[in-house]
Amino acid sequence: MIPIIETSRLTLREFRETDADSLHRLLSEDGVLRYFPNPNPPSLERVQRFIALQLAHWGEHSFGWWAVTPRGEQELIGWNGLQFLPETHEIEVGYLLAKPYWGRGFAIEGARAGMKFGFETLSLRQIIAVVHPHNFASQHVLEKLGMAWTGWKKYFGMDVFRYVQDRPTRAE
């Protein structure tokens, strides 16, 4: 079962097959995928496969991407959560939001909730993040989360910045 997490402004919930049309529209917005390995909007069929893969990821790893909605609303505004990176055996925090939600602290709020789940519920020792070197807004999010820049690394066929956060100790 995929847990539902609520923050002060967001609900992180399981993706549903019925989210495909909304997610397809969101991913087709100009610039939303600008810093992704493939910045071209996906087909609806590819979005449907993405949702199915996310649900399978949850089943295999007990974590994954959540669908993100404003708290108390149904409108899908993006995704947030953790994913297993099979090439490096690391766990990455990630997020994507519709443009109207950029620059308003929603990425920080959702990512913080996802990382808390990873550290407190799953007892993860470390969570990483990767970010395109020109995606300054996302770098700011990671720094606000307390993640430390560790240098350049190749992920998903791209040279990116890598950030790391170790599980906080009780004294922190």
N, C-alpha and C. Protein backbone atom coordinates (compact mmCIF):
# COMPACT_ATOMS: atom_id res chain seq x y z
N MET A 1 0.84 -1.19 0.00
CA MET A 1 0.00 0.00 0.00
C MET A 1 0.88 1.25 0.00
N ILE A 2 0.56 2.17 -0.85
CA ILE A 2 1.32 3.41 -0.97
C ILE A 2 0.76 4.42 0.03
N PRO A 3 1.61 4.92 0.93
CA PRO A 3 1.10 5.86 1.93
C PRO A 3 0.73 7.21 1.30
N ILE A 4 -0.22 7.87 1.92
CA ILE A 4 -0.58 9.24 1.56
C ILE A 4 0.09 10.14 2.57
N ILE A 5 0.78 11.15 2.09
CA ILE A 5 1.44 12.12 2.97
C ILE A 5 0.83 13.48 2.71
N GLU A 6 0.47 14.17 3.79
CA GLU A 6 -0.03 15.53 3.66
C GLU A 6 0.94 16.49 4.33
N THR A 7 1.23 17.58 3.64
CA THR A 7 2.02 18.66 4.21
C THR A 7 1.05 19.83 4.42
N SER A 8 1.57 20.98 4.78
CA SER A 8 0.66 22.10 5.01
C SER A 8 -0.09 22.51 3.75
N ARG A 9 0.52 22.31 2.56
CA ARG A 9 -0.13 22.74 1.32
C ARG A 9 -0.31 21.65 0.28
N LEU A 10 0.25 20.47 0.50
CA LEU A 10 0.27 19.43 -0.52
C LEU A 10 -0.26 18.10 -0.02
N THR A 11 -0.76 17.30 -0.95
CA THR A 11 -1.03 15.89 -0.71
C THR A 11 -0.17 15.10 -1.68
N LEU A 12 0.58 14.14 -1.13
CA LEU A 12 1.37 13.21 -1.93
C LEU A 12 0.62 11.89 -1.89
N ARG A 13 0.14 11.44 -3.03
CA ARG A 13 -0.70 10.25 -3.08
C ARG A 13 -0.25 9.33 -4.21
N GLU A 14 -0.82 8.16 -4.22
CA GLU A 14 -0.55 7.17 -5.27
C GLU A 14 -1.00 7.70 -6.63
N PHE A 15 -0.20 7.42 -7.66
CA PHE A 15 -0.65 7.70 -9.01
C PHE A 15 -1.83 6.79 -9.34
N ARG A 16 -2.74 7.30 -10.16
CA ARG A 16 -3.89 6.53 -10.64
C ARG A 16 -3.85 6.53 -12.16
N GLU A 17 -4.42 5.49 -12.75
CA GLU A 17 -4.49 5.45 -14.21
C GLU A 17 -5.20 6.69 -14.75
N THR A 18 -6.16 7.20 -13.99
CA THR A 18 -6.92 8.37 -14.42
C THR A 18 -6.10 9.66 -14.40
N ASP A 19 -4.88 9.62 -13.87
CA ASP A 19 -3.99 10.79 -13.87
C ASP A 19 -3.31 10.99 -15.22
N ALA A 20 -3.41 10.02 -16.12
CA ALA A 20 -2.62 10.06 -17.36
C ALA A 20 -2.87 11.32 -18.18
N ASP A 21 -4.13 11.69 -18.39
CA ASP A 21 -4.41 12.88 -19.21
C ASP A 21 -3.85 14.15 -18.57
N SER A 22 -4.06 14.31 -17.26
CA SER A 22 -3.55 15.50 -16.57
C SER A 22 -2.03 15.55 -16.60
N LEU A 23 -1.39 14.40 -16.36
CA LEU A 23 0.07 14.37 -16.37
C LEU A 23 0.59 14.64 -17.78
N HIS A 24 -0.08 14.11 -18.78
CA HIS A 24 0.33 14.36 -20.16
C HIS A 24 0.28 15.85 -20.48
N ARG A 25 -0.79 16.53 -20.07
CA ARG A 25 -0.91 17.98 -20.30
C ARG A 25 0.22 18.72 -19.58
N LEU A 26 0.47 18.34 -18.33
CA LEU A 26 1.51 18.99 -17.53
C LEU A 26 2.88 18.83 -18.19
N LEU A 27 3.20 17.61 -18.63
CA LEU A 27 4.50 17.34 -19.24
C LEU A 27 4.63 17.96 -20.63
N SER A 28 3.52 18.38 -21.21
CA SER A 28 3.54 19.03 -22.52
C SER A 28 3.68 20.54 -22.41
N GLU A 29 3.63 21.09 -21.19
CA GLU A 29 3.82 22.53 -21.00
C GLU A 29 5.24 22.90 -21.42
N ASP A 30 5.36 23.99 -22.14
CA ASP A 30 6.66 24.45 -22.62
C ASP A 30 7.62 24.66 -21.45
N GLY A 31 8.78 24.02 -21.52
CA GLY A 31 9.83 24.23 -20.53
C GLY A 31 9.82 23.31 -19.33
N VAL A 32 8.73 22.58 -19.10
CA VAL A 32 8.65 21.73 -17.91
C VAL A 32 9.74 20.66 -17.91
N LEU A 33 10.04 20.10 -19.07
CA LEU A 33 11.06 19.04 -19.16
C LEU A 33 12.41 19.58 -19.66
N ARG A 34 12.59 20.86 -19.60
CA ARG A 34 13.77 21.52 -20.17
C ARG A 34 15.09 20.88 -19.74
N TYR A 35 15.21 20.50 -18.48
CA TYR A 35 16.48 19.98 -17.96
C TYR A 35 16.51 18.47 -17.84
N PHE A 36 15.55 17.79 -18.42
CA PHE A 36 15.51 16.33 -18.39
C PHE A 36 16.33 15.77 -19.55
N PRO A 37 16.77 14.51 -19.44
CA PRO A 37 17.56 13.91 -20.53
C PRO A 37 16.84 13.98 -21.88
N ASN A 38 15.53 13.79 -21.87
CA ASN A 38 14.74 13.94 -23.09
C ASN A 38 13.72 15.05 -22.83
N PRO A 39 13.99 16.26 -23.33
CA PRO A 39 13.10 17.38 -23.04
C PRO A 39 11.83 17.42 -23.87
N ASN A 40 11.63 16.44 -24.76
CA ASN A 40 10.44 16.43 -25.61
C ASN A 40 9.25 15.86 -24.85
N PRO A 41 8.08 16.47 -24.99
CA PRO A 41 6.90 15.94 -24.31
C PRO A 41 6.61 14.51 -24.74
N PRO A 42 6.28 13.65 -23.79
CA PRO A 42 5.98 12.25 -24.12
C PRO A 42 4.58 12.10 -24.70
N SER A 43 4.36 10.99 -25.38
CA SER A 43 3.02 10.66 -25.86
C SER A 43 2.15 10.25 -24.67
N LEU A 44 0.85 10.25 -24.87
CA LEU A 44 -0.06 9.80 -23.83
C LEU A 44 0.23 8.35 -23.45
N GLU A 45 0.54 7.53 -24.42
CA GLU A 45 0.84 6.12 -24.15
C GLU A 45 2.08 5.99 -23.27
N ARG A 46 3.07 6.83 -23.53
CA ARG A 46 4.28 6.79 -22.70
C ARG A 46 3.98 7.24 -21.27
N VAL A 47 3.12 8.22 -21.11
CA VAL A 47 2.71 8.67 -19.77
C VAL A 47 1.98 7.55 -19.05
N GLN A 48 1.11 6.84 -19.76
CA GLN A 48 0.41 5.70 -19.15
C GLN A 48 1.40 4.63 -18.69
N ARG A 49 2.43 4.36 -19.49
CA ARG A 49 3.47 3.40 -19.09
C ARG A 49 4.25 3.91 -17.88
N PHE A 50 4.53 5.21 -17.85
CA PHE A 50 5.24 5.82 -16.73
C PHE A 50 4.46 5.59 -15.43
N ILE A 51 3.16 5.82 -15.47
CA ILE A 51 2.34 5.62 -14.27
C ILE A 51 2.39 4.16 -13.84
N ALA A 52 2.25 3.25 -14.78
CA ALA A 52 2.32 1.81 -14.45
C ALA A 52 3.69 1.46 -13.86
N LEU A 53 4.75 2.02 -14.40
CA LEU A 53 6.10 1.76 -13.88
C LEU A 53 6.27 2.32 -12.47
N GLN A 54 5.68 3.47 -12.21
CA GLN A 54 5.78 4.03 -10.85
C GLN A 54 5.08 3.13 -9.84
N LEU A 55 3.92 2.63 -10.20
CA LEU A 55 3.20 1.73 -9.29
C LEU A 55 4.00 0.45 -9.06
N ALA A 56 4.63 -0.07 -10.11
CA ALA A 56 5.47 -1.26 -9.98
C ALA A 56 6.70 -0.96 -9.12
N HIS A 57 7.28 0.23 -9.28
CA HIS A 57 8.44 0.63 -8.48
C HIS A 57 8.09 0.61 -7.00
N TRP A 58 6.92 1.14 -6.65
CA TRP A 58 6.46 1.10 -5.26
C TRP A 58 6.37 -0.34 -4.77
N GLY A 59 5.81 -1.22 -5.59
CA GLY A 59 5.68 -2.61 -5.21
C GLY A 59 7.01 -3.30 -4.98
N GLU A 60 8.00 -2.94 -5.77
CA GLU A 60 9.32 -3.57 -5.66
C GLU A 60 10.18 -2.98 -4.54
N HIS A 61 10.09 -1.66 -4.33
CA HIS A 61 11.03 -0.99 -3.42
C HIS A 61 10.40 -0.38 -2.17
N SER A 62 9.08 -0.33 -2.09
CA SER A 62 8.37 0.32 -0.98
C SER A 62 8.56 1.84 -0.97
N PHE A 63 8.95 2.39 -2.10
CA PHE A 63 9.01 3.83 -2.30
C PHE A 63 8.94 4.10 -3.80
N GLY A 64 8.72 5.36 -4.14
CA GLY A 64 8.62 5.75 -5.55
C GLY A 64 8.16 7.19 -5.65
N TRP A 65 7.67 7.56 -6.84
CA TRP A 65 7.11 8.90 -7.02
C TRP A 65 5.67 8.89 -6.53
N TRP A 66 5.30 9.95 -5.85
CA TRP A 66 3.89 10.21 -5.52
C TRP A 66 3.34 11.19 -6.55
N ALA A 67 2.05 11.11 -6.81
CA ALA A 67 1.35 12.17 -7.52
C ALA A 67 1.15 13.30 -6.51
N VAL A 68 1.33 14.53 -6.93
CA VAL A 68 1.21 15.68 -6.03
C VAL A 68 0.00 16.51 -6.42
N THR A 69 -0.82 16.82 -5.42
CA THR A 69 -1.98 17.70 -5.60
C THR A 69 -1.95 18.76 -4.50
N PRO A 70 -2.58 19.92 -4.74
CA PRO A 70 -2.75 20.85 -3.64
C PRO A 70 -3.61 20.17 -2.56
N ARG A 71 -3.28 20.39 -1.31
CA ARG A 71 -4.01 19.74 -0.22
C ARG A 71 -5.51 20.07 -0.32
N GLY A 72 -6.32 19.03 -0.23
CA GLY A 72 -7.76 19.18 -0.29
C GLY A 72 -8.32 19.30 -1.70
N GLU A 73 -7.47 19.19 -2.71
CA GLU A 73 -7.92 19.30 -4.10
C GLU A 73 -7.52 18.05 -4.87
N GLN A 74 -8.07 17.88 -6.06
CA GLN A 74 -7.77 16.71 -6.89
C GLN A 74 -6.82 17.02 -8.04
N GLU A 75 -6.61 18.30 -8.34
CA GLU A 75 -5.80 18.70 -9.49
C GLU A 75 -4.36 18.20 -9.36
N LEU A 76 -3.91 17.41 -10.31
CA LEU A 76 -2.54 16.92 -10.34
C LEU A 76 -1.62 18.07 -10.74
N ILE A 77 -0.63 18.36 -9.89
CA ILE A 77 0.29 19.46 -10.20
C ILE A 77 1.74 18.98 -10.37
N GLY A 78 1.96 17.66 -10.28
CA GLY A 78 3.31 17.16 -10.50
C GLY A 78 3.57 15.85 -9.81
N TRP A 79 4.86 15.57 -9.62
CA TRP A 79 5.25 14.38 -8.87
C TRP A 79 6.39 14.73 -7.94
N ASN A 80 6.60 13.84 -6.98
CA ASN A 80 7.63 14.04 -5.98
C ASN A 80 7.91 12.70 -5.35
N GLY A 81 9.12 12.47 -4.90
CA GLY A 81 9.39 11.24 -4.17
C GLY A 81 10.79 10.73 -4.35
N LEU A 82 10.92 9.42 -4.20
CA LEU A 82 12.21 8.74 -4.22
C LEU A 82 12.21 7.69 -5.31
N GLN A 83 13.36 7.50 -5.94
CA GLN A 83 13.47 6.42 -6.91
C GLN A 83 14.82 5.74 -6.76
N PHE A 84 14.82 4.43 -7.00
CA PHE A 84 16.03 3.62 -6.98
C PHE A 84 16.74 3.77 -8.31
N LEU A 85 18.04 4.04 -8.27
CA LEU A 85 18.84 4.16 -9.48
C LEU A 85 19.63 2.87 -9.66
N PRO A 86 19.20 1.99 -10.57
CA PRO A 86 19.82 0.67 -10.69
C PRO A 86 21.29 0.71 -11.10
N GLU A 87 21.71 1.73 -11.84
CA GLU A 87 23.11 1.80 -12.27
C GLU A 87 24.07 2.03 -11.12
N THR A 88 23.62 2.76 -10.09
CA THR A 88 24.51 3.12 -8.98
C THR A 88 24.04 2.57 -7.64
N HIS A 89 22.86 1.98 -7.60
CA HIS A 89 22.26 1.45 -6.37
C HIS A 89 22.06 2.55 -5.33
N GLU A 90 21.77 3.75 -5.80
CA GLU A 90 21.48 4.88 -4.92
C GLU A 90 19.99 5.18 -4.97
N ILE A 91 19.55 5.97 -4.00
CA ILE A 91 18.16 6.40 -3.97
C ILE A 91 18.14 7.91 -4.14
N GLU A 92 17.39 8.33 -5.14
CA GLU A 92 17.34 9.74 -5.54
C GLU A 92 16.02 10.37 -5.12
N VAL A 93 16.08 11.59 -4.61
CA VAL A 93 14.89 12.39 -4.41
C VAL A 93 14.69 13.20 -5.69
N GLY A 94 13.44 13.31 -6.11
CA GLY A 94 13.15 14.07 -7.32
C GLY A 94 11.77 14.71 -7.24
N TYR A 95 11.54 15.65 -8.13
CA TYR A 95 10.28 16.40 -8.12
C TYR A 95 10.10 17.04 -9.48
N LEU A 96 8.86 17.26 -9.82
CA LEU A 96 8.50 17.98 -11.04
C LEU A 96 7.16 18.63 -10.75
N LEU A 97 7.04 19.90 -11.09
CA LEU A 97 5.80 20.64 -10.83
C LEU A 97 5.36 21.40 -12.07
N ALA A 98 4.06 21.62 -12.17
CA ALA A 98 3.50 22.48 -13.21
C ALA A 98 4.01 23.91 -12.99
N LYS A 99 4.15 24.64 -14.07
CA LYS A 99 4.73 25.99 -14.01
C LYS A 99 4.07 26.93 -12.99
N PRO A 100 2.74 26.93 -12.84
CA PRO A 100 2.17 27.86 -11.86
C PRO A 100 2.64 27.62 -10.42
N TYR A 101 3.28 26.49 -10.17
CA TYR A 101 3.72 26.15 -8.82
C TYR A 101 5.23 26.33 -8.64
N TRP A 102 5.90 26.83 -9.65
CA TRP A 102 7.34 27.07 -9.56
C TRP A 102 7.61 28.30 -8.69
N GLY A 103 8.71 28.26 -7.95
CA GLY A 103 9.17 29.42 -7.20
C GLY A 103 8.34 29.78 -6.00
N ARG A 104 7.51 28.86 -5.52
CA ARG A 104 6.62 29.15 -4.40
C ARG A 104 6.85 28.22 -3.21
N GLY A 105 7.96 27.46 -3.24
CA GLY A 105 8.30 26.59 -2.11
C GLY A 105 7.66 25.22 -2.13
N PHE A 106 6.87 24.92 -3.16
CA PHE A 106 6.19 23.62 -3.21
C PHE A 106 7.18 22.47 -3.42
N ALA A 107 8.21 22.68 -4.24
CA ALA A 107 9.20 21.62 -4.46
C ALA A 107 9.93 21.30 -3.16
N ILE A 108 10.31 22.33 -2.41
CA ILE A 108 10.99 22.12 -1.13
C ILE A 108 10.08 21.37 -0.17
N GLU A 109 8.83 21.81 -0.07
CA GLU A 109 7.87 21.19 0.86
C GLU A 109 7.64 19.72 0.53
N GLY A 110 7.43 19.42 -0.73
CA GLY A 110 7.19 18.03 -1.12
C GLY A 110 8.43 17.17 -0.98
N ALA A 111 9.58 17.68 -1.42
CA ALA A 111 10.82 16.90 -1.33
C ALA A 111 11.19 16.65 0.13
N ARG A 112 10.98 17.64 0.99
CA ARG A 112 11.27 17.45 2.42
C ARG A 112 10.41 16.32 2.99
N ALA A 113 9.14 16.27 2.59
CA ALA A 113 8.26 15.19 3.07
C ALA A 113 8.72 13.84 2.54
N GLY A 114 9.13 13.78 1.27
CA GLY A 114 9.62 12.53 0.71
C GLY A 114 10.89 12.05 1.38
N MET A 115 11.80 12.98 1.66
CA MET A 115 13.05 12.61 2.33
C MET A 115 12.79 12.17 3.76
N LYS A 116 11.87 12.84 4.44
CA LYS A 116 11.52 12.43 5.80
C LYS A 116 11.00 10.99 5.79
N PHE A 117 10.14 10.67 4.84
CA PHE A 117 9.64 9.31 4.69
C PHE A 117 10.81 8.34 4.49
N GLY A 118 11.74 8.70 3.63
CA GLY A 118 12.88 7.84 3.36
C GLY A 118 13.75 7.60 4.58
N PHE A 119 14.04 8.65 5.31
CA PHE A 119 14.91 8.52 6.48
C PHE A 119 14.19 7.90 7.68
N GLU A 120 12.97 8.35 7.96
CA GLU A 120 12.28 7.91 9.18
C GLU A 120 11.52 6.61 9.01
N THR A 121 10.85 6.42 7.89
CA THR A 121 10.04 5.21 7.69
C THR A 121 10.87 4.07 7.11
N LEU A 122 11.71 4.39 6.13
CA LEU A 122 12.49 3.35 5.46
C LEU A 122 13.89 3.17 6.05
N SER A 123 14.28 4.06 6.95
CA SER A 123 15.62 4.03 7.58
C SER A 123 16.74 4.07 6.55
N LEU A 124 16.54 4.83 5.48
CA LEU A 124 17.60 4.98 4.48
C LEU A 124 18.80 5.69 5.11
N ARG A 125 19.98 5.30 4.70
CA ARG A 125 21.20 5.93 5.22
C ARG A 125 21.56 7.19 4.45
N GLN A 126 21.18 7.23 3.17
CA GLN A 126 21.56 8.36 2.33
C GLN A 126 20.56 8.52 1.20
N ILE A 127 20.32 9.77 0.83
CA ILE A 127 19.51 10.11 -0.33
C ILE A 127 20.33 11.07 -1.18
N ILE A 128 20.32 10.84 -2.49
CA ILE A 128 21.06 11.72 -3.39
C ILE A 128 20.08 12.47 -4.28
N ALA A 129 20.59 13.46 -4.97
CA ALA A 129 19.83 14.18 -5.99
C ALA A 129 20.79 14.51 -7.12
N VAL A 130 20.27 14.54 -8.32
CA VAL A 130 21.06 14.97 -9.47
C VAL A 130 20.32 16.11 -10.15
N VAL A 131 21.09 17.06 -10.65
CA VAL A 131 20.47 18.25 -11.23
C VAL A 131 21.33 18.76 -12.38
N HIS A 132 20.66 19.19 -13.42
CA HIS A 132 21.34 19.79 -14.57
C HIS A 132 22.11 21.03 -14.08
N PRO A 133 23.33 21.23 -14.54
CA PRO A 133 24.13 22.35 -14.05
C PRO A 133 23.54 23.74 -14.32
N HIS A 134 22.61 23.85 -15.27
CA HIS A 134 21.97 25.15 -15.54
C HIS A 134 20.63 25.31 -14.84
N ASN A 135 20.19 24.29 -14.10
CA ASN A 135 18.91 24.36 -13.41
C ASN A 135 19.13 24.96 -12.02
N PHE A 136 19.29 26.27 -12.00
CA PHE A 136 19.62 26.97 -10.76
C PHE A 136 18.49 26.91 -9.74
N ALA A 137 17.25 26.91 -10.19
CA ALA A 137 16.12 26.83 -9.26
C ALA A 137 16.14 25.51 -8.51
N SER A 138 16.41 24.42 -9.21
CA SER A 138 16.45 23.12 -8.55
C SER A 138 17.66 23.01 -7.63
N GLN A 139 18.78 23.59 -8.02
CA GLN A 139 19.94 23.61 -7.12
C GLN A 139 19.59 24.33 -5.83
N HIS A 140 18.84 25.41 -5.94
CA HIS A 140 18.41 26.17 -4.76
C HIS A 140 17.52 25.30 -3.86
N VAL A 141 16.62 24.53 -4.47
CA VAL A 141 15.77 23.62 -3.70
C VAL A 141 16.63 22.65 -2.91
N LEU A 142 17.60 22.03 -3.56
CA LEU A 142 18.44 21.03 -2.91
C LEU A 142 19.25 21.64 -1.77
N GLU A 143 19.73 22.85 -1.97
CA GLU A 143 20.47 23.53 -0.90
C GLU A 143 19.56 23.86 0.27
N LYS A 144 18.32 24.29 -0.01
CA LYS A 144 17.36 24.56 1.07
C LYS A 144 17.02 23.30 1.85
N LEU A 145 17.10 22.15 1.18
CA LEU A 145 16.85 20.87 1.85
C LEU A 145 18.03 20.42 2.71
N GLY A 146 19.14 21.14 2.62
CA GLY A 146 20.33 20.78 3.39
C GLY A 146 21.22 19.77 2.70
N MET A 147 20.98 19.54 1.41
CA MET A 147 21.81 18.60 0.67
C MET A 147 23.15 19.25 0.31
N ALA A 148 24.20 18.45 0.28
CA ALA A 148 25.54 18.95 -0.01
C ALA A 148 25.95 18.59 -1.43
N TRP A 149 26.49 19.56 -2.15
CA TRP A 149 27.01 19.34 -3.50
C TRP A 149 28.27 18.51 -3.40
N THR A 150 28.36 17.44 -4.19
CA THR A 150 29.54 16.56 -4.15
C THR A 150 30.33 16.57 -5.44
N GLY A 151 29.88 17.28 -6.45
CA GLY A 151 30.63 17.38 -7.69
C GLY A 151 29.83 16.94 -8.90
N TRP A 152 30.54 16.76 -9.99
CA TRP A 152 29.96 16.33 -11.26
C TRP A 152 29.90 14.82 -11.30
N LYS A 153 28.89 14.29 -11.97
CA LYS A 153 28.79 12.84 -12.19
C LYS A 153 27.89 12.63 -13.42
N LYS A 154 28.03 11.49 -14.05
CA LYS A 154 27.18 11.17 -15.20
C LYS A 154 26.02 10.30 -14.73
N TYR A 155 24.81 10.76 -14.95
CA TYR A 155 23.58 10.02 -14.68
C TYR A 155 22.70 10.17 -15.91
N PHE A 156 22.00 9.12 -16.26
CA PHE A 156 21.04 9.18 -17.36
C PHE A 156 21.69 9.69 -18.65
N GLY A 157 23.00 9.43 -18.81
CA GLY A 157 23.71 9.86 -20.00
C GLY A 157 24.06 11.34 -20.03
N MET A 158 23.88 12.04 -18.90
CA MET A 158 24.15 13.48 -18.84
C MET A 158 25.17 13.76 -17.75
N ASP A 159 25.99 14.78 -17.96
CA ASP A 159 26.86 15.28 -16.89
C ASP A 159 26.01 16.21 -16.03
N VAL A 160 25.91 15.88 -14.75
CA VAL A 160 25.04 16.62 -13.84
C VAL A 160 25.78 16.90 -12.53
N PHE A 161 25.20 17.79 -11.74
CA PHE A 161 25.67 17.99 -10.38
C PHE A 161 25.02 16.94 -9.50
N ARG A 162 25.78 16.44 -8.53
CA ARG A 162 25.27 15.44 -7.58
C ARG A 162 25.26 16.07 -6.19
N TYR A 163 24.15 15.86 -5.50
CA TYR A 163 23.98 16.33 -4.12
C TYR A 163 23.69 15.12 -3.24
N VAL A 164 24.05 15.22 -1.95
CA VAL A 164 23.87 14.11 -1.02
C VAL A 164 23.35 14.63 0.31
N GLN A 165 22.49 13.84 0.92
CA GLN A 165 22.05 14.08 2.30
C GLN A 165 22.12 12.75 3.03
N ASP A 166 22.88 12.69 4.11
CA ASP A 166 22.92 11.50 4.96
C ASP A 166 21.80 11.59 5.98
N ARG A 167 21.36 10.41 6.47
CA ARG A 167 20.30 10.38 7.47
C ARG A 167 20.74 11.20 8.67
N PRO A 168 19.89 12.11 9.13
CA PRO A 168 20.25 12.90 10.31
C PRO A 168 20.40 11.99 11.54
N THR A 169 21.33 12.35 12.39
CA THR A 169 21.47 11.63 13.66
C THR A 169 20.47 12.22 14.65
N ARG A 170 20.23 11.50 15.72
CA ARG A 170 19.26 11.98 16.72
C ARG A 170 19.64 13.34 17.29
N ALA A 171 20.94 13.60 17.41
CA ALA A 171 21.40 14.87 17.97
C ALA A 171 21.07 16.05 17.06
N GLU A 172 20.90 15.78 15.76
CA GLU A 172 20.60 16.87 14.83
C GLU A 172 19.15 17.22 14.96
